[in-house]
Protein backbone atom coordinates (compact mmCIF):
# COMPACT_ATOMS: atom_id res chain seq x y z
CA MET A 1 71.89 266.61 172.76
CA LYS A 2 71.31 263.29 174.47
CA ASP A 3 73.88 260.60 173.58
CA PRO A 4 72.02 257.46 172.41
CA PHE A 5 75.30 255.44 172.30
CA LYS A 6 76.46 255.94 175.89
CA TYR A 7 75.33 252.49 176.95
CA SER A 8 77.72 249.56 177.02
CA PHE A 9 77.74 247.31 173.96
CA GLU A 10 79.32 243.86 174.07
CA ARG A 11 79.89 243.56 170.34
CA LEU A 12 80.63 245.90 167.42
CA GLU A 13 77.66 244.36 165.63
CA ASP A 14 75.42 245.68 168.39
CA ILE A 15 76.82 249.21 168.00
CA ALA A 16 76.33 248.98 164.26
CA GLU A 17 72.65 248.01 164.76
CA ARG A 18 72.18 250.83 167.26
CA ILE A 19 73.66 253.45 164.96
CA SER A 20 71.42 252.13 162.14
CA GLU A 21 68.32 252.38 164.36
CA VAL A 22 69.14 255.97 165.39
CA LEU A 23 70.04 257.23 161.94
CA GLU A 24 67.56 254.98 160.05
CA CYS A 25 70.04 253.89 157.37
CA PRO A 26 72.40 250.89 156.81
CA ILE A 27 75.79 251.13 158.61
CA THR A 28 79.14 249.48 158.07
CA ILE A 29 82.19 249.76 160.38
CA GLU A 30 85.67 249.20 158.97
CA ASP A 31 89.19 249.26 160.30
CA VAL A 32 91.76 251.75 158.87
CA ASN A 33 92.71 249.17 156.19
CA HIS A 34 89.08 248.92 155.02
CA ARG A 35 88.50 245.45 156.41
CA LEU A 36 84.91 244.96 157.52
CA LEU A 37 84.50 244.76 161.25
CA ALA A 38 80.69 245.03 161.64
CA TYR A 39 77.57 245.93 159.72
CA SER A 40 73.88 246.45 160.40
CA THR A 41 71.06 244.58 158.77
CA HIS A 42 69.41 246.22 155.79
CA ASN A 43 66.31 245.83 153.64
CA ASP A 44 66.34 246.35 149.91
CA CYS A 45 67.94 249.76 150.53
CA THR A 46 71.57 249.05 149.68
CA ASP A 47 74.09 249.14 146.82
CA PRO A 48 76.53 246.71 145.10
CA ALA A 49 79.57 248.14 146.90
CA ARG A 50 78.04 247.39 150.32
CA ILE A 51 77.03 243.86 149.28
CA SER A 52 80.56 243.15 147.88
CA THR A 53 82.10 244.45 151.10
CA ILE A 54 79.93 242.20 153.22
CA ILE A 55 80.58 239.13 151.08
CA GLY A 56 84.31 239.70 150.85
CA ARG A 57 84.70 241.08 154.38
CA ARG A 58 86.65 244.00 152.98
CA VAL A 59 86.00 246.97 150.67
CA PRO A 60 86.68 245.99 147.01
CA GLU A 61 90.01 247.37 145.72
CA LYS A 62 88.30 249.18 142.80
CA VAL A 63 86.16 251.06 145.33
CA ILE A 64 89.19 252.05 147.41
CA ASN A 65 91.03 253.27 144.33
CA ASN A 66 88.16 255.44 143.24
CA LEU A 67 87.78 256.91 146.73
CA TRP A 68 91.48 257.88 146.63
CA LYS A 69 91.09 259.38 143.15
CA ASP A 70 88.15 261.51 144.38
CA GLY A 71 90.10 262.65 147.42
CA ILE A 72 87.69 261.09 149.89
CA ILE A 73 90.26 258.87 151.77
CA GLN A 74 92.62 261.85 152.01
CA LYS A 75 89.86 263.92 153.74
CA LEU A 76 88.99 261.10 156.07
CA LEU A 77 92.61 260.82 157.15
CA GLN A 78 92.74 264.56 157.87
CA THR A 79 89.45 265.35 159.76
CA ASP A 80 87.12 263.97 162.38
CA GLN A 81 84.05 265.55 160.75
CA PRO A 82 81.56 263.61 158.63
CA ILE A 83 82.38 263.56 154.84
CA ARG A 84 79.69 263.22 152.23
CA VAL A 85 80.48 260.83 149.41
CA LYS A 86 78.55 261.14 146.14
CA GLN A 87 77.62 258.05 144.23
CA ILE A 88 80.22 256.48 141.90
CA ASP A 89 78.25 254.45 139.39
CA GLU A 90 81.18 252.64 137.83
CA VAL A 91 82.00 250.85 141.12
CA GLY A 92 78.40 250.47 142.38
CA LEU A 93 78.78 253.01 145.18
CA GLY A 94 75.66 254.95 146.28
CA ASN A 95 75.50 258.22 148.19
CA ARG A 96 76.78 257.84 151.74
CA VAL A 97 78.36 259.67 154.67
CA ALA A 98 81.67 258.57 156.19
CA ILE A 99 83.36 259.53 159.43
CA SER A 100 86.77 258.62 160.75
CA ILE A 101 87.30 257.11 164.22
CA TRP A 102 90.25 258.76 165.87
CA ARG A 103 92.50 258.18 168.88
CA ASN A 104 94.79 261.21 169.39
CA ASN A 105 96.38 261.71 165.96
CA GLU A 106 95.70 258.25 164.61
CA VAL A 107 92.83 256.98 162.57
CA LEU A 108 91.51 253.65 163.85
CA GLY A 109 88.70 253.07 161.37
CA PHE A 110 85.64 254.42 159.62
CA ILE A 111 81.85 254.41 159.89
CA TRP A 112 79.83 254.47 156.60
CA ALA A 113 76.17 255.43 156.54
CA LEU A 114 74.19 254.96 153.34
CA GLU A 115 72.07 257.86 152.12
CA ILE A 116 70.13 256.05 149.46
CA GLN A 117 66.58 256.64 150.83
CA LYS A 118 67.30 259.65 152.98
CA ARG A 119 69.80 262.46 153.51
CA LEU A 120 71.18 262.78 157.01
CA SER A 121 70.31 266.09 158.74
CA ASP A 122 72.79 268.26 160.55
CA GLU A 123 71.47 266.86 163.83
CA GLU A 124 71.96 263.32 162.60
CA LEU A 125 75.51 264.15 161.50
CA GLU A 126 76.16 265.23 165.11
CA LEU A 127 74.76 261.89 166.25
CA LEU A 128 77.18 260.12 163.86
CA LYS A 129 80.07 261.98 165.54
CA MET A 130 78.81 260.56 168.89
CA ALA A 131 78.67 257.12 167.37
CA ALA A 132 82.34 257.43 166.33
CA GLN A 133 83.26 258.00 169.98
CA ALA A 134 81.32 254.92 171.01
CA VAL A 135 83.00 252.73 168.37
CA LYS A 136 86.47 254.06 169.31
CA ASN A 137 86.59 252.14 172.63
CA LYS A 138 85.83 248.87 170.94
CA LEU A 139 88.49 249.51 168.26
CA LEU A 140 91.06 250.27 170.87
CA ASN A 141 90.55 246.79 172.36
CA LEU A 142 90.81 245.24 168.90
CA GLN A 143 93.96 247.21 168.14
CA ALA A 144 95.65 245.98 171.37
CA ARG A 145 95.03 242.35 170.39
CA LYS A 146 96.13 243.08 166.85
CA THR A 147 99.40 244.59 167.94
CA LYS A 148 100.28 241.44 170.01
CA MET A 149 99.42 239.23 167.03
CA GLU A 150 101.57 241.33 164.69
CA GLU A 151 104.53 240.98 167.12
CA ARG A 152 104.16 237.20 167.13
CA ASN A 153 103.98 237.22 163.34
CA GLN A 154 107.16 239.28 163.00
CA GLU A 155 109.07 237.07 165.47
CA PHE A 156 108.03 234.00 163.46
CA PHE A 157 109.03 235.75 160.12
CA TRP A 158 112.50 236.62 161.47
CA LYS A 159 113.01 233.02 162.55
CA LEU A 160 112.23 232.01 158.97
CA LEU A 161 114.50 234.64 157.43
CA THR A 162 117.38 233.69 159.64
CA LYS A 163 116.75 229.91 159.46
CA HIS A 164 116.21 229.59 163.18
CA ILE A 165 113.30 227.37 162.16
CA SER A 166 114.51 225.00 159.50
CA SER A 167 112.37 221.82 159.42
CA HIS A 168 109.24 221.65 157.31
CA GLU A 169 107.21 220.36 160.32
CA GLU A 170 108.25 223.31 162.54
CA ILE A 171 107.45 225.83 159.84
CA GLN A 172 104.01 224.32 159.16
CA GLU A 173 103.25 224.32 162.90
CA GLY A 174 104.25 228.00 163.09
CA PHE A 175 101.83 228.94 160.28
CA GLN A 176 99.08 227.00 161.98
CA LYS A 177 99.62 228.59 165.38
CA LEU A 178 99.38 232.05 163.80
CA HIS A 179 96.27 231.01 161.85
CA LEU A 180 97.98 231.79 158.52
CA PRO A 181 97.33 229.79 155.36
CA ILE A 182 100.23 227.65 154.31
CA PRO A 183 101.21 228.86 150.81
CA SER A 184 101.69 226.50 147.88
CA VAL A 185 104.11 228.98 146.29
CA TYR A 186 105.83 232.05 147.70
CA SER A 187 108.67 234.52 147.48
CA VAL A 188 110.44 237.02 149.75
CA ILE A 189 110.13 240.54 148.35
CA ILE A 190 111.93 243.71 149.55
CA LEU A 191 111.14 247.36 149.21
CA LYS A 192 114.19 249.54 149.92
CA PHE A 193 113.68 253.19 150.77
CA GLN A 194 116.17 256.12 150.64
CA SER A 195 116.20 256.48 154.41
CA GLU A 196 114.95 254.80 157.57
CA ILE A 197 111.27 253.80 157.43
CA THR A 198 109.33 255.99 159.80
CA ASP A 199 106.20 254.97 161.73
CA SER A 200 104.15 257.01 159.31
CA ILE A 201 105.57 255.28 156.24
CA GLU A 202 105.17 251.88 157.96
CA ARG A 203 101.48 252.57 158.45
CA GLN A 204 101.12 253.55 154.81
CA LEU A 205 102.88 250.36 153.72
CA GLN A 206 100.71 248.23 155.95
CA TYR A 207 97.67 249.97 154.57
CA LEU A 208 98.70 249.04 150.98
CA LEU A 209 99.50 245.44 152.00
CA LYS A 210 96.16 244.94 153.69
CA THR A 211 94.09 246.56 150.96
CA THR A 212 95.66 244.89 147.91
CA GLN A 213 93.80 241.96 146.35
CA LYS A 214 96.52 241.20 143.82
CA VAL A 215 98.53 238.79 145.96
CA HIS A 216 98.47 237.26 149.42
CA PRO A 217 100.86 239.21 151.73
CA LEU A 218 101.21 236.67 154.62
CA LEU A 219 104.10 238.19 156.68
CA SER A 220 106.06 241.43 156.80
CA THR A 221 108.65 243.20 158.86
CA ILE A 222 110.78 246.37 158.85
CA ASP A 223 114.61 246.40 158.83
CA TYR A 224 115.77 250.02 158.99
CA ASP A 225 115.14 251.20 155.38
CA GLN A 226 113.68 247.89 154.11
CA MET A 227 110.20 246.49 154.12
CA ILE A 228 110.57 242.72 153.88
CA MET A 229 107.49 240.74 152.77
CA PHE A 230 106.53 237.08 152.52
CA ILE A 231 104.14 237.01 149.51
CA SER A 232 102.11 234.22 147.95
CA PRO A 233 101.05 234.90 144.36
CA LYS A 234 97.42 234.21 143.31
CA GLY A 235 97.62 233.27 139.69
CA VAL A 236 99.20 230.71 137.45
CA GLN A 237 102.08 233.08 136.53
CA PRO A 238 103.70 233.79 139.91
CA LEU A 239 106.53 235.97 138.63
CA GLN A 240 104.19 238.19 136.65
CA ASP A 241 101.86 238.48 139.65
CA LEU A 242 104.75 239.55 141.89
CA LYS A 243 106.10 242.02 139.39
CA MET A 244 102.70 243.61 138.82
CA PHE A 245 102.16 243.81 142.62
CA LEU A 246 105.51 245.66 143.03
CA GLN A 247 104.69 247.99 140.15
CA TRP A 248 101.32 248.73 141.79
CA ILE A 249 102.74 249.29 145.29
CA VAL A 250 105.53 251.66 144.01
CA THR A 251 102.95 253.60 141.99
CA GLN A 252 100.60 253.92 144.99
CA LEU A 253 103.45 255.07 147.25
CA LYS A 254 104.25 257.78 144.73
CA GLU A 255 100.72 258.88 143.87
CA ARG A 256 99.06 258.61 147.30
CA PHE A 257 101.87 259.34 149.72
CA MET A 258 104.52 261.24 147.57
CA ILE A 259 107.14 258.59 148.34
CA GLN A 260 109.58 258.13 145.37
CA LYS A 261 112.76 256.27 144.39
CA VAL A 262 111.84 253.01 146.07
CA LYS A 263 114.04 250.09 144.99
CA THR A 264 112.41 246.63 144.62
CA SER A 265 113.59 243.06 144.57
CA ILE A 266 112.07 239.59 144.34
CA GLY A 267 113.86 236.52 145.72
CA GLY A 268 113.53 233.06 144.31
CA ILE A 269 110.02 231.67 143.93
CA TYR A 270 109.64 228.41 145.83
CA THR A 271 107.13 225.77 146.95
CA ASP A 272 109.28 224.27 149.72
CA LEU A 273 108.83 226.24 153.00
CA THR A 274 112.42 225.45 154.00
CA ASN A 275 113.70 227.88 151.32
CA VAL A 276 112.40 231.14 152.92
CA GLU A 277 115.94 232.14 154.03
CA LYS A 278 117.30 231.35 150.57
CA SER A 279 114.67 233.47 148.90
CA TYR A 280 115.59 236.32 151.33
CA ARG A 281 119.30 236.10 150.54
CA GLU A 282 118.44 236.21 146.80
CA ALA A 283 116.25 239.26 147.25
CA LEU A 284 119.18 241.00 149.12
CA SER A 285 121.51 239.92 146.31
CA VAL A 286 119.16 241.56 143.69
CA LEU A 287 119.36 244.89 145.59
CA ALA A 288 123.15 244.70 145.83
CA ILE A 289 123.50 243.94 142.08
CA LYS A 290 121.08 246.72 141.15
CA GLU A 291 123.18 249.08 143.27
CA ARG A 292 126.39 248.05 141.43
CA PHE A 293 124.82 248.00 137.90
CA PRO A 294 121.89 250.44 137.94
CA MET A 295 121.72 251.03 134.19
CA GLU A 296 122.14 247.39 133.12
CA THR A 297 119.59 246.08 135.64
CA GLU A 298 116.95 248.86 135.21
CA GLY A 299 113.56 247.18 135.07
CA LEU A 300 114.83 243.88 136.58
CA ASP A 301 113.34 242.90 139.93
CA SER A 302 113.60 239.17 140.22
CA TYR A 303 116.66 237.04 140.99
CA SER A 304 115.64 234.72 138.18
CA GLU A 305 115.91 237.65 135.69
CA LEU A 306 119.47 238.68 136.52
CA GLY A 307 121.17 236.21 134.20
CA ILE A 308 124.95 236.56 134.30
CA TYR A 309 124.71 239.11 137.14
CA GLN A 310 123.94 236.20 139.48
CA TYR A 311 127.45 234.83 138.89
CA LEU A 312 129.62 237.92 138.56
CA ASP A 313 131.07 237.56 142.10
CA ILE A 314 132.24 234.06 141.26
CA PHE A 315 133.78 235.15 137.98
CA TYR A 316 135.40 238.15 139.64
CA GLU A 317 137.05 235.98 142.31
CA LYS A 318 138.30 233.57 139.69
CA ARG A 319 139.76 236.34 137.56
CA LYS A 320 141.41 237.85 140.59
CA LYS A 321 142.88 234.55 141.70
CA ASP A 322 144.17 233.58 138.25
CA GLY A 323 145.43 237.11 137.43
CA PHE A 324 143.79 236.82 134.05
CA VAL A 325 143.78 239.81 131.70
CA ASN A 326 141.44 239.81 128.71
CA TYR A 327 143.74 240.40 125.72
CA SER A 328 141.12 241.94 123.46
CA LEU A 329 139.67 244.26 126.17
CA ASN A 330 143.18 245.33 127.16
CA LYS A 331 144.01 246.25 123.54
CA LEU A 332 140.89 248.47 123.32
CA LYS A 333 141.76 250.19 126.61
CA GLU A 334 145.29 250.93 125.45
CA TYR A 335 143.91 252.34 122.15
CA ASP A 336 141.39 254.53 124.02
CA ARG A 337 144.10 255.96 126.25
CA ALA A 338 146.45 256.65 123.36
CA HIS A 339 143.87 258.18 121.04
CA HIS A 340 141.35 259.66 123.54
CA THR A 341 138.53 257.56 122.11
CA ASN A 342 135.72 255.63 123.85
CA LEU A 343 135.72 252.26 122.04
CA VAL A 344 135.35 250.34 125.32
CA GLU A 345 132.21 252.22 126.26
CA THR A 346 130.85 251.82 122.66
CA LEU A 347 131.45 248.04 122.82
CA GLU A 348 129.67 247.76 126.17
CA VAL A 349 126.63 249.67 124.95
CA PHE A 350 126.54 247.55 121.77
CA LEU A 351 126.64 244.32 123.82
CA ASP A 352 124.15 245.66 126.42
CA HIS A 353 121.70 246.10 123.52
CA ASP A 354 122.14 242.51 122.33
CA SER A 355 124.25 243.50 119.35
CA ASN A 356 121.35 245.63 117.97
CA VAL A 357 123.14 248.30 115.95
CA ASN A 358 120.11 250.55 115.69
CA ALA A 359 119.32 250.47 119.42
CA ALA A 360 122.95 250.93 120.42
CA ALA A 361 123.42 253.87 117.98
CA LYS A 362 120.35 255.56 119.50
CA LYS A 363 121.70 255.10 123.03
CA LEU A 364 125.12 256.47 122.03
CA ASN A 365 123.52 259.29 120.05
CA VAL A 366 125.45 258.53 116.91
CA HIS A 367 124.58 257.55 113.35
CA VAL A 368 124.25 253.87 112.56
CA ASN A 369 127.08 254.20 110.03
CA THR A 370 129.35 255.75 112.66
CA LEU A 371 128.70 252.86 115.02
CA SER A 372 129.27 250.32 112.25
CA TYR A 373 132.62 251.94 111.50
CA ARG A 374 133.61 251.85 115.18
CA LEU A 375 132.70 248.15 115.44
CA LYS A 376 134.84 247.42 112.39
CA ARG A 377 137.79 249.25 113.97
CA MET A 378 137.24 247.38 117.23
CA THR A 379 137.48 244.01 115.60
CA GLU A 380 140.74 245.04 113.97
CA ILE A 381 142.28 246.56 117.08
CA ALA A 382 141.09 243.94 119.55
CA GLU A 383 141.50 241.02 117.17
CA ILE A 384 138.07 239.79 118.06
CA ASP A 385 135.17 238.33 116.07
CA LEU A 386 131.91 239.91 117.34
CA ASN A 387 129.93 237.35 115.40
CA ASN A 388 131.43 234.61 117.52
CA PRO A 389 129.15 234.11 120.58
CA ASN A 390 131.90 232.66 122.72
CA GLN A 391 134.30 235.59 122.12
CA LYS A 392 131.47 238.12 122.49
CA MET A 393 130.26 236.63 125.85
CA THR A 394 133.82 236.45 127.26
CA ILE A 395 134.60 240.11 126.57
CA TYR A 396 131.09 241.07 127.81
CA LEU A 397 131.70 239.32 131.13
CA ASP A 398 135.11 240.94 131.53
CA LEU A 399 133.58 244.38 130.83
CA LYS A 400 131.24 243.84 133.76
CA ILE A 401 133.91 242.27 136.01
CA ASP A 402 135.98 245.35 135.37
CA LYS A 403 133.30 247.51 136.97
CA MET A 404 133.43 245.35 140.12
CA LYS A 405 137.12 246.20 140.54
CA ASP A 406 136.19 249.86 141.03
CA LEU A 407 133.77 249.06 143.90
């Protein structure tokens, strides 16, 4: 079969038009992260998904999610053969054929051909495979330029994280040189994995970052088992935006790529660009605290949510320096040792649940009356008033500081 795409094309748009002429249907060309690279002209024969992709210069997130649910993306990442995609009415996607563009074992992008007015024949599907080869050369050139740009971005990001760039003017200039928007609000976010991040996992992470439309991921880098990201929220509730984004990305890693037990942290949320290093340190601090107190901090991601856990190191050092021993807590420990009871644990669970007897009893798997009796005994043994917020907070702090002594 004669190859109609063997001629040299200067632009991807020219290739898209040529494919459209040969196959007699509208064509779009995307990179591996579903960003629109080129598209052919079309008459009235199109669908809402194509129009949205052209306007937004990327495939809408709802379309990507449905393609994952239907197993289409998985197939495209596994084969170089054309894949038929049936219409998905709820996201405005009409019938089309997709093919992956490969270099060795790596997918560079995709070609999508609409089948609204006609169904491509077997011969035309072979022509589509030839088209994928023609597009590959152009994508290789784009990828080389993209790799150099990503290297510059990472170098700039590390300078921000380590405060090698500290003045507001230098930082603004750095963003402008990289053609990045200067954020009005931002935070440094970390994803921590169970082991070193492989090239494969990094590609999956980059895919999620570049396809999300929940936040603006401006910069990212890998540090052994951590993905560090510079994120700008979109809405009027920045913390909620960031938490929802983290929840989404962890869910996608689990459902799409079978990656589990990813720890998350959000540094301080700032408007001043000189606080990037501070936000990074705070995100690292969140991970360290979650490692020390996994049960107490379950569900907490942000430095601003940590409460007293932000200050435990300071309290611990002061207690150690002063040689202070909490009288009431010490009395309970002595009683537990002598009578083989667990009043200290009971007290901690009670305070962890904000003095809610019902919730604490459920956690301890005891009857409410049993817990009430234990609390009464505690107040007698420890000579403490658990209705007094000052006494209650003091013993609570010392319960947590005690755990730090074991680390």
